């Protein structure tokens, strides 16, 4: 770089050249040089949370007399700009950095201090002495992880899951009375309605929501105020409570200091817990996506029960081919989330004594999983579930020939005779009802009642007596 393209910054280790237009300082620059590893930067949601934490800390410090109002309000103004994403270009630190996330914390401190010094009319705001006052990277980064994840769950994932659940419910209202062949082991089984089948999807989604809700109280408990190891050294009494209260007002979340700040800094159990719930949601979405793919398979040589919306040509060589692209994309997202969870589990084990040292990768993977699942849920709802058409003729034809309908006869005629009827019907390609009329003394009216597919979807034991 030429002399006009950089400026000289200083930190406790000496002087360093920093790009002239950069808002960051020497410590961030050292991190840029030390960690040219992946090109992945910390997520937008994490930077937002960092800005909010610095805003709340400055506000608490002003209230407690730890910062003068000029510096404190200037820091708050700059921190909110960071939270709003106005300075994201000045957060260049790689995800794979120091395990405590100190580089990202100092990146925020330096950017905010640079801006706050301008806003304070030249009164210097120091990255450590003022922006980081009453804080440590060790409590700031875990707090930012919890806050970022809590906001993403509240603002992105829960609304997306609500949309998916409601879309499934509307679809069940439209097509729910259609009776079809059930399948276990991918083989024909007893009949059920489409409403029962896709209603199971909705129940899975709602259970996923319940699991997320159960995790939120621990997610809303913050490490801020514990400073270096949980003892709160260099933070005055009341700082943690005031900062959490300010964050609650700013975000609309019910936030409070963790009941044990040592645990909040030493471990990332809540992040591991949340990731486990996200993994379960990924399993749910993959199940729904794969069901849709199977039901849509064909159009001639597969099940062909439904037709998903035709969104794009499916082949570069086979004209007219249309593939289930949205369920495939959702399945890949599910796989990614499962991989993210494995990384978070390993990272969660890396809390040695008083500090976890894999915090940045936990933040990255956790927020990526939340965002991916939210996007997948909305896309699955809008581009697959809402628009699929039911092939009632194909469904009815398969149902009529389903040999497993004979299960309803077993309580009346016995298992062995029922099995013989099923085998003959399958071998001859004939309906169960027709073969059963030949092989039993049951009359047509009785057979029709026993083998009514719609009635069979309601469960219960069929008539065991000889009369009606």
Foldseek 3Di string as FASTA:
>chain_A
DDPQQWDWAADPVGIDTDGPPALAGDLLVVQVVVDPDDQAFFDLLLQLLLLLLLLLLLVLCCVVVNDPPLLSVLLNVLSNCSNVVVRVVNRRGHLPTWQLCQSNLNSSLSNSQSRSCVSSVNPGDHSCSRSQQLAASLFSLLQSLLVSLLLLCVPFQVVLLVLLLVLLVVLCVVFFLQKFFDDDPNATAAIAGVSVVSVVLSVLSVVLVVLLVVLSVVSQAGLRQCHPQHVNPRHDPPSQASSSVSSCVVRVDNHHHHPGNQCSRLFDVSLLSLLVSLLSLLVSLLVVLVVLQQCCPDCPPGLVFKNFDQDDDDDPPDPPDGHSVLSVLSNVLSVLSVVLSVVLVVQRVQRDRRHRRNSSSSSRSSSSSSNSNSVSSNCCSPRGSNDMGGPSVSRVLCLQLRLNLLVLCCLAPNDVLSVVLSVVSVVVVHGSLVSCVVSDVQDSVLSCVSSVSSVPNVDDHHDRDPDD
